[in-house]
Amino acid sequence: MRDPIDAETIRHALHLGAGRPSPTELAEAAETLTGHIALLLTEVRETAQVSRPFCVGAADCAGRFHGIERHMNQGLGDGPLSAHVQVHLLARDCQWLLAHHTARVGW
């Protein structure tokens, strides 16, 4: 498994939509992204409770976190299009979390 905070994994997942990845490639990308999100979500959520520089208010943060959790639990769906969409959503969620995590820890 790659480093839990891995921007290259996000880039790779976002570029999967440009080609015709196999169902296995999509499943692997989704699994890796979900693992990254699980690691980042707790930390970013805790940080958001203390300081909200990236959310206008608590409701904005709570809504975003709820959406991310929903995407994590959704699965890839029944066909290639739904799998592409799901991997893209997971990549964007991971990207958002990583950006806010790194902004807070100063990476």
Protein backbone atom coordinates (compact mmCIF):
# COMPACT_ATOMS: atom_id res chain seq x y z
CA MET A 1 0.00 0.00 0.00
CA ARG A 2 1.16 3.54 -0.72
CA ASP A 3 1.74 6.28 1.78
CA PRO A 4 -1.59 7.25 3.40
CA ILE A 5 -1.18 10.84 2.20
CA ASP A 6 -0.37 10.31 -1.44
CA ALA A 7 -1.18 12.95 -4.07
CA GLU A 8 0.00 10.66 -6.88
CA THR A 9 -2.79 8.19 -6.09
CA ILE A 10 -5.31 11.00 -6.50
CA ARG A 11 -3.79 12.09 -9.83
CA HIS A 12 -3.79 8.50 -11.07
CA ALA A 13 -7.45 8.03 -10.12
CA LEU A 14 -8.47 11.27 -11.84
CA HIS A 15 -6.67 10.20 -15.02
CA LEU A 16 -8.38 6.78 -15.09
CA GLY A 17 -11.37 8.47 -16.70
CA ALA A 18 -9.28 9.40 -19.74
CA GLY A 19 -8.85 5.77 -20.73
CA ARG A 20 -10.67 2.48 -20.45
CA PRO A 21 -9.53 1.05 -17.14
CA SER A 22 -10.52 -2.47 -16.24
CA PRO A 23 -13.02 -3.11 -13.46
CA THR A 24 -10.09 -4.38 -11.40
CA GLU A 25 -8.18 -1.11 -11.86
CA LEU A 26 -11.24 0.89 -10.82
CA ALA A 27 -11.83 -1.33 -7.79
CA GLU A 28 -8.19 -1.02 -6.71
CA ALA A 29 -8.27 2.76 -7.11
CA ALA A 30 -11.51 2.98 -5.11
CA GLU A 31 -10.07 0.81 -2.34
CA THR A 32 -6.89 2.87 -2.10
CA LEU A 33 -8.77 6.18 -2.14
CA THR A 34 -11.22 4.96 0.49
CA GLY A 35 -8.29 4.02 2.72
CA HIS A 36 -6.72 7.45 2.24
CA ILE A 37 -10.04 9.15 2.98
CA ALA A 38 -10.58 7.10 6.13
CA LEU A 39 -7.18 8.20 7.43
CA LEU A 40 -7.63 11.86 6.53
CA LEU A 41 -11.30 12.31 7.43
CA THR A 42 -10.87 11.89 11.17
CA GLU A 43 -7.97 14.31 11.33
CA VAL A 44 -9.60 16.97 9.14
CA ARG A 45 -12.88 16.66 11.04
CA GLU A 46 -11.08 17.19 14.37
CA THR A 47 -9.24 20.20 12.97
CA ALA A 48 -12.48 21.67 11.63
CA GLN A 49 -14.01 21.58 15.11
CA VAL A 50 -11.22 23.80 16.41
CA SER A 51 -10.70 26.11 13.43
CA ARG A 52 -12.83 26.56 10.32
CA PRO A 53 -10.63 28.30 7.75
CA PHE A 54 -11.97 26.16 4.90
CA CYS A 55 -15.64 26.01 5.86
CA VAL A 56 -17.87 29.02 6.31
CA GLY A 57 -19.64 27.41 9.23
CA ALA A 58 -20.14 24.21 11.12
CA ALA A 59 -23.06 23.20 8.90
CA ASP A 60 -20.89 23.52 5.76
CA CYS A 61 -18.22 21.27 7.25
CA ALA A 62 -20.74 18.76 8.56
CA GLY A 63 -22.42 18.60 5.15
CA ARG A 64 -19.14 18.08 3.34
CA PHE A 65 -18.05 15.36 5.76
CA HIS A 66 -21.42 13.62 5.44
CA GLY A 67 -21.11 13.65 1.64
CA ILE A 68 -17.61 12.20 1.81
CA GLU A 69 -18.77 9.42 4.12
CA ARG A 70 -21.67 8.66 1.79
CA HIS A 71 -19.28 8.36 -1.17
CA MET A 72 -17.01 6.06 0.85
CA ASN A 73 -19.88 3.68 1.57
CA GLN A 74 -21.57 3.79 -1.83
CA GLY A 75 -19.62 1.13 -3.71
CA LEU A 76 -18.80 1.14 -7.42
CA GLY A 77 -22.31 0.48 -8.72
CA ASP A 78 -23.44 -1.88 -11.46
CA GLY A 79 -21.56 -0.75 -14.54
CA PRO A 80 -18.42 0.89 -15.86
CA LEU A 81 -19.92 4.39 -15.93
CA SER A 82 -20.99 4.29 -12.30
CA ALA A 83 -17.55 2.92 -11.33
CA HIS A 84 -15.83 5.77 -13.21
CA VAL A 85 -18.05 8.34 -11.52
CA GLN A 86 -17.51 6.82 -8.08
CA VAL A 87 -13.72 6.73 -8.44
CA HIS A 88 -13.77 10.35 -9.62
CA LEU A 89 -15.88 11.40 -6.62
CA LEU A 90 -13.58 9.56 -4.22
CA ALA A 91 -10.54 11.18 -5.82
CA ARG A 92 -12.06 14.66 -5.48
CA ASP A 93 -13.04 13.98 -1.86
CA CYS A 94 -9.54 12.74 -1.10
CA GLN A 95 -8.06 15.77 -2.86
CA TRP A 96 -10.19 18.14 -0.76
CA LEU A 97 -9.26 16.39 2.48
CA LEU A 98 -5.58 16.28 1.60
CA ALA A 99 -5.52 19.97 0.69
CA HIS A 100 -7.07 20.96 3.99
CA HIS A 101 -4.99 18.54 6.00
CA THR A 102 -1.72 19.74 4.50
CA ALA A 103 -2.74 23.39 4.89
CA ARG A 104 -3.24 22.80 8.60
CA VAL A 105 -0.06 20.82 9.26
CA GLY A 106 2.10 23.00 7.00
CA TRP A 107 3.30 20.44 4.48
